[in-house]
Amino acid sequence: VLSPSGIKRFRREAEVLGQLKHPGIAQIHELGTLRQDGHEQPFIAMEYVDGPDLATYCKKRELSVQDRLRLIARL
């Protein structure tokens, strides 16, 4: 459960992320809060990107720490 200040920070960070335009960054379609069990639960609806998550990608390819860092720098 986030405090009111936590929700405010979440919204601000999501708004900033929504302004980023880059082919390597999934686009944000919507952000908001959902009232559940008497508490507001923030959410972000993002573009779906097909494929493995980054950890799975790195593990499957047995990337070294240096290779992982190079990958992150490229992303």
N, C-alpha and C. Protein backbone atom coordinates (compact mmCIF):
# COMPACT_ATOMS: atom_id res chain seq x y z
N VAL A 1 0.86 -1.18 0.00
CA VAL A 1 0.00 0.00 0.00
C VAL A 1 0.90 1.24 0.00
N LEU A 2 0.70 2.09 -0.98
CA LEU A 2 1.49 3.31 -1.07
C LEU A 2 0.82 4.44 -0.32
N SER A 3 1.63 5.28 0.27
CA SER A 3 1.13 6.49 0.92
C SER A 3 0.72 7.49 -0.16
N PRO A 4 -0.02 8.53 0.21
CA PRO A 4 -0.38 9.55 -0.78
C PRO A 4 0.86 10.15 -1.46
N SER A 5 1.94 10.34 -0.71
CA SER A 5 3.15 10.89 -1.34
C SER A 5 3.79 9.85 -2.27
N GLY A 6 3.68 8.57 -1.92
CA GLY A 6 4.19 7.52 -2.79
C GLY A 6 3.42 7.45 -4.09
N ILE A 7 2.11 7.59 -4.03
CA ILE A 7 1.28 7.60 -5.24
C ILE A 7 1.62 8.80 -6.09
N LYS A 8 1.83 9.94 -5.46
CA LYS A 8 2.20 11.15 -6.20
C LYS A 8 3.54 10.95 -6.93
N ARG A 9 4.51 10.35 -6.26
CA ARG A 9 5.82 10.09 -6.87
C ARG A 9 5.68 9.08 -8.01
N PHE A 10 4.87 8.04 -7.80
CA PHE A 10 4.62 7.04 -8.84
C PHE A 10 4.06 7.71 -10.10
N ARG A 11 3.05 8.56 -9.91
CA ARG A 11 2.44 9.25 -11.06
C ARG A 11 3.45 10.12 -11.79
N ARG A 12 4.25 10.86 -11.02
CA ARG A 12 5.24 11.74 -11.65
C ARG A 12 6.26 10.93 -12.45
N GLU A 13 6.77 9.85 -11.89
CA GLU A 13 7.74 9.01 -12.60
C GLU A 13 7.11 8.39 -13.85
N ALA A 14 5.86 7.95 -13.76
CA ALA A 14 5.18 7.37 -14.91
C ALA A 14 4.98 8.43 -16.00
N GLU A 15 4.66 9.65 -15.61
CA GLU A 15 4.49 10.74 -16.59
C GLU A 15 5.80 11.03 -17.31
N VAL A 16 6.90 11.04 -16.57
CA VAL A 16 8.21 11.26 -17.19
C VAL A 16 8.53 10.11 -18.15
N LEU A 17 8.32 8.87 -17.72
CA LEU A 17 8.56 7.72 -18.60
C LEU A 17 7.69 7.79 -19.85
N GLY A 18 6.47 8.27 -19.71
CA GLY A 18 5.56 8.38 -20.84
C GLY A 18 6.03 9.38 -21.89
N GLN A 19 6.89 10.29 -21.51
CA GLN A 19 7.41 11.29 -22.45
C GLN A 19 8.63 10.79 -23.23
N LEU A 20 9.21 9.68 -22.79
CA LEU A 20 10.39 9.15 -23.47
C LEU A 20 9.95 8.46 -24.76
N LYS A 21 10.60 8.80 -25.84
CA LYS A 21 10.31 8.21 -27.15
C LYS A 21 11.59 7.60 -27.69
N HIS A 22 11.67 6.28 -27.70
CA HIS A 22 12.85 5.58 -28.18
C HIS A 22 12.41 4.18 -28.57
N PRO A 23 12.96 3.62 -29.65
CA PRO A 23 12.56 2.28 -30.07
C PRO A 23 12.84 1.20 -29.02
N GLY A 24 13.78 1.44 -28.12
CA GLY A 24 14.12 0.46 -27.10
C GLY A 24 13.33 0.62 -25.81
N ILE A 25 12.37 1.54 -25.78
CA ILE A 25 11.58 1.78 -24.57
C ILE A 25 10.11 1.53 -24.89
N ALA A 26 9.48 0.63 -24.14
CA ALA A 26 8.06 0.35 -24.33
C ALA A 26 7.25 1.61 -24.02
N GLN A 27 6.27 1.88 -24.84
CA GLN A 27 5.45 3.07 -24.66
C GLN A 27 4.39 2.86 -23.58
N ILE A 28 4.11 3.90 -22.86
CA ILE A 28 3.06 3.87 -21.83
C ILE A 28 1.76 4.34 -22.47
N HIS A 29 0.70 3.53 -22.31
CA HIS A 29 -0.60 3.88 -22.88
C HIS A 29 -1.49 4.58 -21.86
N GLU A 30 -1.38 4.18 -20.61
CA GLU A 30 -2.24 4.76 -19.58
C GLU A 30 -1.63 4.54 -18.21
N LEU A 31 -1.89 5.46 -17.32
CA LEU A 31 -1.51 5.28 -15.92
C LEU A 31 -2.66 5.77 -15.06
N GLY A 32 -2.76 5.20 -13.90
CA GLY A 32 -3.84 5.59 -13.02
C GLY A 32 -3.80 4.81 -11.72
N THR A 33 -4.89 4.86 -11.00
CA THR A 33 -5.01 4.11 -9.76
C THR A 33 -6.34 3.37 -9.77
N LEU A 34 -6.34 2.26 -9.08
CA LEU A 34 -7.53 1.43 -8.93
C LEU A 34 -7.78 1.28 -7.44
N ARG A 35 -8.99 1.58 -7.01
CA ARG A 35 -9.33 1.42 -5.60
C ARG A 35 -9.65 -0.05 -5.35
N GLN A 36 -8.88 -0.64 -4.43
CA GLN A 36 -9.04 -2.06 -4.12
C GLN A 36 -8.90 -2.25 -2.62
N ASP A 37 -9.87 -2.88 -2.02
CA ASP A 37 -9.87 -3.13 -0.57
C ASP A 37 -9.66 -1.84 0.22
N GLY A 38 -10.23 -0.76 -0.26
CA GLY A 38 -10.14 0.51 0.44
C GLY A 38 -8.85 1.26 0.23
N HIS A 39 -7.97 0.75 -0.63
CA HIS A 39 -6.69 1.41 -0.89
C HIS A 39 -6.55 1.68 -2.38
N GLU A 40 -5.82 2.73 -2.70
CA GLU A 40 -5.54 3.01 -4.10
C GLU A 40 -4.30 2.25 -4.53
N GLN A 41 -4.44 1.49 -5.62
CA GLN A 41 -3.34 0.71 -6.17
C GLN A 41 -2.97 1.33 -7.52
N PRO A 42 -1.77 1.90 -7.64
CA PRO A 42 -1.39 2.49 -8.92
C PRO A 42 -1.09 1.43 -9.97
N PHE A 43 -1.28 1.79 -11.24
CA PHE A 43 -0.96 0.87 -12.34
C PHE A 43 -0.42 1.66 -13.53
N ILE A 44 0.32 0.95 -14.37
CA ILE A 44 0.78 1.48 -15.64
C ILE A 44 0.41 0.45 -16.71
N ALA A 45 -0.29 0.88 -17.77
CA ALA A 45 -0.59 0.02 -18.91
C ALA A 45 0.42 0.38 -20.00
N MET A 46 1.26 -0.61 -20.35
CA MET A 46 2.34 -0.36 -21.30
C MET A 46 2.17 -1.19 -22.57
N GLU A 47 2.89 -0.78 -23.58
CA GLU A 47 2.97 -1.53 -24.83
C GLU A 47 3.48 -2.94 -24.54
N TYR A 48 2.90 -3.92 -25.20
CA TYR A 48 3.36 -5.29 -25.06
C TYR A 48 4.55 -5.51 -25.98
N VAL A 49 5.62 -6.04 -25.43
CA VAL A 49 6.81 -6.36 -26.21
C VAL A 49 7.02 -7.86 -26.12
N ASP A 50 6.93 -8.54 -27.24
CA ASP A 50 7.07 -9.99 -27.27
C ASP A 50 8.53 -10.38 -27.11
N GLY A 51 8.77 -11.40 -26.33
CA GLY A 51 10.13 -11.90 -26.16
C GLY A 51 10.44 -12.15 -24.70
N PRO A 52 11.62 -12.70 -24.46
CA PRO A 52 12.01 -13.00 -23.07
C PRO A 52 12.36 -11.74 -22.30
N ASP A 53 12.28 -11.83 -20.97
CA ASP A 53 12.73 -10.71 -20.16
C ASP A 53 14.27 -10.66 -20.20
N LEU A 54 14.82 -9.59 -19.76
CA LEU A 54 16.26 -9.37 -19.87
C LEU A 54 17.07 -10.42 -19.13
N ALA A 55 16.64 -10.82 -17.94
CA ALA A 55 17.38 -11.81 -17.16
C ALA A 55 17.41 -13.16 -17.90
N THR A 56 16.27 -13.56 -18.46
CA THR A 56 16.21 -14.81 -19.21
C THR A 56 17.09 -14.75 -20.45
N TYR A 57 17.05 -13.64 -21.15
CA TYR A 57 17.87 -13.43 -22.35
C TYR A 57 19.35 -13.61 -22.01
N CYS A 58 19.79 -12.96 -20.95
CA CYS A 58 21.21 -13.01 -20.55
C CYS A 58 21.61 -14.42 -20.09
N LYS A 59 20.74 -15.04 -19.32
CA LYS A 59 21.06 -16.38 -18.80
C LYS A 59 21.13 -17.39 -19.94
N LYS A 60 20.18 -17.33 -20.88
CA LYS A 60 20.15 -18.28 -21.99
C LYS A 60 21.41 -18.16 -22.85
N ARG A 61 21.93 -16.95 -22.98
CA ARG A 61 23.11 -16.72 -23.80
C ARG A 61 24.41 -16.78 -22.99
N GLU A 62 24.26 -17.06 -21.69
CA GLU A 62 25.40 -17.16 -20.78
C GLU A 62 26.32 -15.94 -20.89
N LEU A 63 25.70 -14.76 -20.87
CA LEU A 63 26.46 -13.52 -20.99
C LEU A 63 27.27 -13.25 -19.73
N SER A 64 28.50 -12.83 -19.92
CA SER A 64 29.35 -12.44 -18.79
C SER A 64 28.84 -11.11 -18.22
N VAL A 65 29.37 -10.73 -17.09
CA VAL A 65 28.99 -9.44 -16.49
C VAL A 65 29.32 -8.31 -17.46
N GLN A 66 30.49 -8.36 -18.08
CA GLN A 66 30.88 -7.31 -19.04
C GLN A 66 29.92 -7.28 -20.23
N ASP A 67 29.55 -8.46 -20.74
CA ASP A 67 28.60 -8.51 -21.86
C ASP A 67 27.24 -7.96 -21.44
N ARG A 68 26.83 -8.25 -20.23
CA ARG A 68 25.56 -7.73 -19.73
C ARG A 68 25.61 -6.21 -19.62
N LEU A 69 26.72 -5.68 -19.14
CA LEU A 69 26.87 -4.23 -19.03
C LEU A 69 26.85 -3.56 -20.40
N ARG A 70 27.50 -4.20 -21.38
CA ARG A 70 27.47 -3.66 -22.74
C ARG A 70 26.05 -3.66 -23.29
N LEU A 71 25.31 -4.72 -23.00
CA LEU A 71 23.92 -4.81 -23.44
C LEU A 71 23.10 -3.68 -22.82
N ILE A 72 23.25 -3.48 -21.53
CA ILE A 72 22.52 -2.41 -20.84
C ILE A 72 22.88 -1.05 -21.43
N ALA A 73 24.14 -0.82 -21.72
CA ALA A 73 24.57 0.46 -22.30
C ALA A 73 23.90 0.67 -23.66
N ARG A 74 23.78 -0.42 -24.45
CA ARG A 74 23.12 -0.30 -25.76
C ARG A 74 21.64 0.00 -25.61
N LEU A 75 21.03 -0.62 -24.61
CA LEU A 75 19.59 -0.42 -24.42
C LEU A 75 19.31 0.99 -23.92
